[in-house]
């Protein structure tokens, strides 16, 4: 059971969220805040695992709330799901590792997706804690998800869903199992954000996720092709041949 706090200065917004959460049997609401200062005190007192947080609130905004709570290093920060009518704060929300970003008005299905994401993160954290037996490990410098706008949606895409990436002029096309997304980003910039143990640049215009690579095939004239599990073929430069062989052996 996830203990949650609802923070929104609009009574009707809190009421609607509370009604939607009645369908989520894994969530227990332990308090509601109508202002930033009230929310900070409430979260510190109840220590919830999840905070539904509006961004525009009286006195301080939602980011100020997160900053105040995180200033105490001994306090266990709850997972944050932002609820707002404004999409311009999505990138900033991603930068502070928000679990999700719900644009009002959102559906029960969209809310359920966000809650399930938090449940998964909590379970993963517990499993990691058990595996490491309390040992402290440095946080990975690589991103675990990418946030962007696509077809009128704001997506928080886990990098593990990415199968391969292709450069298209001043953009990159990110390919997943069922969709492709065009982002205004450079290959070099994206490559720096991705874990090199999982992602490999096989060509100046292509990056592949090694978890979805089936084989590397030799072609006539000394060229090579990376064959993905779904049959997609990605051209590989000769200079990357030894690197991908080494990584595939260890994965």
Protein backbone atom coordinates (compact mmCIF):
# COMPACT_ATOMS: atom_id res chain seq x y z
CA UNK A 1 0.00 0.00 0.00
CA UNK A 2 1.36 3.42 -1.04
CA UNK A 3 0.67 6.25 1.38
CA UNK A 4 -0.04 9.43 -0.58
CA UNK A 5 -0.56 13.17 -0.01
CA UNK A 6 -2.58 15.36 -2.39
CA UNK A 7 -1.41 18.97 -2.83
CA UNK A 8 -3.47 21.45 -4.85
CA UNK A 9 -4.87 24.87 -4.00
CA UNK A 10 -8.10 24.08 -5.88
CA UNK A 11 -10.65 22.17 -3.81
CA UNK A 12 -12.38 20.73 -6.88
CA UNK A 13 -9.07 19.48 -8.27
CA UNK A 14 -8.30 17.65 -5.02
CA UNK A 15 -11.82 16.26 -4.93
CA UNK A 16 -11.57 14.89 -8.48
CA UNK A 17 -8.17 13.34 -7.81
CA UNK A 18 -9.45 11.77 -4.60
CA UNK A 19 -12.40 10.26 -6.49
CA UNK A 20 -10.14 8.83 -9.20
CA UNK A 21 -7.81 7.33 -6.60
CA UNK A 22 -10.67 5.39 -5.04
CA UNK A 23 -10.20 2.93 -7.89
CA UNK A 24 -6.53 2.49 -6.98
CA UNK A 25 -6.56 -0.08 -4.19
CA UNK A 26 -2.79 0.27 -3.72
CA UNK A 27 -3.04 3.94 -2.71
CA UNK A 28 -4.04 5.30 0.71
CA UNK A 29 -4.55 9.08 1.00
CA UNK A 30 -3.08 10.26 4.31
CA UNK A 31 -3.56 14.01 3.87
CA UNK A 32 -4.34 16.98 1.62
CA UNK A 33 -2.55 20.33 1.35
CA UNK A 34 -3.98 23.53 -0.11
CA UNK A 35 -0.78 25.61 -0.06
CA UNK A 36 2.94 25.03 -0.42
CA UNK A 37 3.73 25.62 3.27
CA UNK A 38 0.87 23.38 4.39
CA UNK A 39 2.04 20.66 2.02
CA UNK A 40 5.62 20.79 3.32
CA UNK A 41 4.47 20.43 6.94
CA UNK A 42 2.04 17.65 6.02
CA UNK A 43 4.60 15.61 4.09
CA UNK A 44 7.16 15.94 6.86
CA UNK A 45 4.59 14.82 9.41
CA UNK A 46 3.10 11.88 7.50
CA UNK A 47 6.18 10.74 5.50
CA UNK A 48 4.22 9.43 2.48
CA UNK A 49 5.73 7.38 -0.32
CA UNK A 50 3.92 9.46 -2.97
CA UNK A 51 3.08 13.15 -3.38
CA UNK A 52 0.61 14.39 -6.00
CA UNK A 53 1.78 17.97 -6.44
CA UNK A 54 0.29 20.91 -8.30
CA UNK A 55 2.90 23.31 -9.72
CA UNK A 56 1.19 26.69 -9.36
CA UNK A 57 0.30 27.16 -5.70
CA UNK A 58 0.04 30.23 -3.40
CA UNK A 59 3.28 31.45 -1.83
CA UNK A 60 5.65 28.94 -3.42
CA UNK A 61 5.32 26.71 -6.46
CA UNK A 62 5.61 22.95 -6.60
CA UNK A 63 9.33 23.07 -7.35
CA UNK A 64 9.86 25.14 -4.21
CA UNK A 65 8.05 22.43 -2.25
CA UNK A 66 10.38 19.78 -3.65
CA UNK A 67 13.40 21.95 -2.86
CA UNK A 68 12.30 22.50 0.73
CA UNK A 69 11.65 18.80 1.31
CA UNK A 70 14.90 17.67 -0.29
CA UNK A 71 16.98 20.15 1.73
CA UNK A 72 16.83 17.73 4.67
CA UNK A 73 19.15 14.91 3.62
CA UNK A 74 17.84 12.65 6.37
CA UNK A 75 14.27 12.91 5.09
CA UNK A 76 13.11 10.18 2.69
CA UNK A 77 11.70 12.03 -0.31
CA UNK A 78 8.39 10.71 -1.65
CA UNK A 79 7.93 9.97 -5.32
CA UNK A 80 6.51 13.05 -7.06
CA UNK A 81 3.68 13.04 -9.59
CA UNK A 82 3.05 16.58 -10.80
CA UNK A 83 -0.56 17.48 -11.64
CA UNK A 84 -0.91 20.69 -13.63
CA UNK A 85 -2.70 22.41 -16.50
CA UNK A 86 0.61 23.77 -17.84
CA UNK A 87 2.89 21.71 -20.07
CA UNK A 88 5.88 24.10 -20.08
CA UNK A 89 7.29 22.74 -16.84
CA UNK A 90 7.68 19.12 -18.03
CA UNK A 91 11.40 19.28 -18.76
CA UNK A 92 12.13 20.85 -15.38
CA UNK A 93 10.02 18.16 -13.71
CA UNK A 94 12.08 15.52 -15.49
CA UNK A 95 15.31 17.17 -14.32
CA UNK A 96 14.32 16.75 -10.67
CA UNK A 97 13.38 13.10 -11.32
CA UNK A 98 9.59 13.39 -11.01
CA UNK A 99 7.88 10.02 -11.42
CA UNK A 100 5.32 11.44 -13.84
CA UNK A 101 3.69 14.63 -15.14
CA UNK A 102 -0.09 14.62 -15.48
CA UNK A 103 -1.72 17.34 -17.56
CA UNK A 104 -5.19 18.37 -16.37
CA UNK A 105 -7.71 17.15 -17.19
CA UNK A 106 -6.31 13.60 -17.07
CA UNK A 107 -8.18 10.32 -17.27
CA UNK A 108 -8.41 7.50 -14.76
CA UNK A 109 -6.35 5.37 -17.15
CA UNK A 110 -3.57 7.96 -17.32
CA UNK A 111 -3.57 8.24 -13.53
CA UNK A 112 -3.36 4.46 -13.19
CA UNK A 113 -0.32 4.41 -15.47
CA UNK A 114 1.41 6.97 -13.27
CA UNK A 115 0.60 5.08 -10.07
CA UNK A 116 1.83 1.81 -11.56
CA UNK A 117 5.08 3.53 -12.53
CA UNK A 118 5.61 4.61 -8.92
CA UNK A 119 4.79 1.12 -7.66
CA UNK A 120 7.39 -0.29 -10.04
CA UNK A 121 10.01 2.23 -8.94
CA UNK A 122 9.41 1.44 -5.27
CA UNK A 123 9.66 -2.29 -5.93
CA UNK A 124 12.84 -1.82 -7.97
CA UNK A 125 14.36 0.27 -5.18
CA UNK A 126 13.57 -2.41 -2.62
CA UNK A 127 15.07 -5.11 -4.81
CA UNK A 128 18.21 -3.06 -5.38
CA UNK A 129 18.49 -2.42 -1.66
CA UNK A 130 18.27 -6.15 -0.98
CA UNK A 131 20.84 -6.95 -3.66
CA UNK A 132 23.39 -4.50 -2.36
CA UNK A 133 22.78 -5.36 1.32
CA UNK A 134 22.88 -1.74 2.31
CA UNK A 135 26.07 -0.85 0.43
CA UNK A 136 26.12 2.66 -1.01
CA UNK A 137 26.63 3.01 -4.74
CA UNK A 138 27.20 6.21 -6.68
CA UNK A 139 24.23 7.34 -8.75
CA UNK A 140 24.59 6.57 -12.43
CA UNK A 141 25.54 9.63 -14.52
CA UNK A 142 23.33 8.36 -17.35
CA UNK A 143 19.65 9.11 -17.80
CA UNK A 144 17.04 6.40 -17.30
CA UNK A 145 14.31 8.15 -19.27
CA UNK A 146 13.83 10.89 -21.82
CA UNK A 147 11.05 13.49 -21.65
CA UNK A 148 9.67 15.18 -24.75
CA UNK A 149 6.49 16.32 -26.47
CA UNK A 150 5.12 14.06 -29.19
CA UNK A 151 1.77 14.32 -31.01
CA UNK A 152 0.33 16.57 -28.32
CA UNK A 153 1.51 14.36 -25.46
CA UNK A 154 4.30 14.78 -22.94
CA UNK A 155 6.11 11.46 -22.76
CA UNK A 156 8.44 10.11 -20.10
CA UNK A 157 10.09 7.36 -22.15
CA UNK A 158 12.23 4.81 -20.26
CA UNK A 159 15.48 4.42 -22.18
CA UNK A 160 15.12 0.64 -21.89
CA UNK A 161 12.17 0.93 -24.32
CA UNK A 162 14.42 2.43 -27.00
CA UNK A 163 15.51 -0.09 -29.62
CA UNK A 164 17.57 2.11 -31.89
CA UNK A 165 18.11 5.74 -32.82
CA UNK A 166 18.67 7.30 -36.24
CA UNK A 167 19.89 10.79 -37.12
CA UNK A 168 17.68 12.84 -39.46
CA UNK A 169 19.29 16.21 -40.27
CA UNK A 170 18.89 18.35 -37.12
CA UNK A 171 16.76 15.69 -35.39
CA UNK A 172 17.03 12.17 -34.06
CA UNK A 173 14.35 9.54 -34.54
CA UNK A 174 13.87 7.28 -31.51
CA UNK A 175 12.41 3.88 -32.33
CA UNK A 176 10.58 1.69 -29.79
CA UNK A 177 8.68 -1.56 -30.31
CA UNK A 178 5.51 0.19 -31.48
CA UNK A 179 6.30 3.87 -32.15
CA UNK A 180 8.89 6.29 -33.45
CA UNK A 181 9.45 9.80 -32.11
CA UNK A 182 11.28 12.71 -33.73
CA UNK A 183 13.27 14.90 -31.30
CA UNK A 184 15.27 18.04 -31.95
CA UNK A 185 18.51 16.65 -30.52
CA UNK A 186 21.99 15.81 -31.78
CA UNK A 187 23.35 12.28 -31.90
CA UNK A 188 26.36 13.36 -29.84
CA UNK A 189 24.17 14.95 -27.18
CA UNK A 190 21.92 11.92 -26.89
CA UNK A 191 24.86 9.52 -26.87
CA UNK A 192 26.34 11.31 -23.86
CA UNK A 193 23.12 10.74 -21.91
CA UNK A 194 22.85 7.01 -22.65
CA UNK A 195 24.68 4.25 -20.76
CA UNK A 196 27.45 2.95 -23.06
CA UNK A 197 27.08 -0.51 -21.56
CA UNK A 198 23.55 -0.63 -22.98
CA UNK A 199 23.71 1.64 -26.03
CA UNK A 200 26.32 1.63 -28.76
CA UNK A 201 26.84 4.02 -31.63
CA UNK A 202 27.39 1.78 -34.63
CA UNK A 203 27.49 4.50 -37.25
CA UNK A 204 27.74 8.28 -37.25
CA UNK A 205 23.96 8.31 -37.78
CA UNK A 206 22.86 5.28 -35.69
CA UNK A 207 22.78 4.08 -32.07
CA UNK A 208 21.43 0.66 -31.07
CA UNK A 209 20.24 -0.83 -27.79
CA UNK A 210 22.35 -3.95 -27.32
CA UNK A 211 19.48 -5.73 -25.55
CA UNK A 212 17.61 -5.81 -28.88
CA UNK A 213 20.53 -6.81 -31.13
CA UNK A 214 20.22 -10.28 -32.67
CA UNK A 215 23.44 -10.47 -34.64
CA UNK A 216 26.11 -8.62 -36.59
CA UNK A 217 26.21 -9.76 -40.19
CA UNK A 218 29.07 -9.42 -42.67
CA UNK A 219 28.07 -7.96 -46.01
CA UNK A 220 29.87 -7.92 -49.38
CA UNK A 221 32.76 -5.48 -49.77
CA UNK A 222 33.66 -5.74 -46.10
CA UNK A 223 30.63 -3.89 -44.74
CA UNK A 224 28.67 -4.93 -41.63
CA UNK A 225 24.99 -4.81 -40.68
CA UNK A 226 23.46 -4.95 -37.21
CA UNK A 227 20.31 -7.09 -37.26
CA UNK A 228 17.79 -6.28 -34.53
CA UNK A 229 15.47 -8.84 -32.92
CA UNK A 230 12.52 -7.50 -34.94
CA UNK A 231 14.43 -7.95 -38.19
CA UNK A 232 15.32 -4.28 -38.64
CA UNK A 233 18.77 -3.81 -40.20
CA UNK A 234 21.11 -1.00 -39.18
CA UNK A 235 24.29 -0.24 -41.12
CA UNK A 236 27.45 -0.36 -39.02
CA UNK A 237 30.79 1.32 -39.73
CA UNK A 238 33.92 -0.85 -39.69
CA UNK A 239 35.43 1.14 -36.82
CA UNK A 240 32.68 -0.06 -34.45
CA UNK A 241 32.99 -3.78 -35.28
CA UNK A 242 35.37 -4.76 -32.47
CA UNK A 243 33.51 -2.68 -29.88
CA UNK A 244 30.11 -4.28 -30.51
CA UNK A 245 31.63 -7.78 -30.50
CA UNK A 246 33.15 -7.13 -27.08
CA UNK A 247 29.91 -5.81 -25.63
CA UNK A 248 27.73 -8.61 -27.04
CA UNK A 249 30.01 -11.18 -25.40
CA UNK A 250 29.44 -9.59 -21.99
CA UNK A 251 25.66 -9.06 -22.34
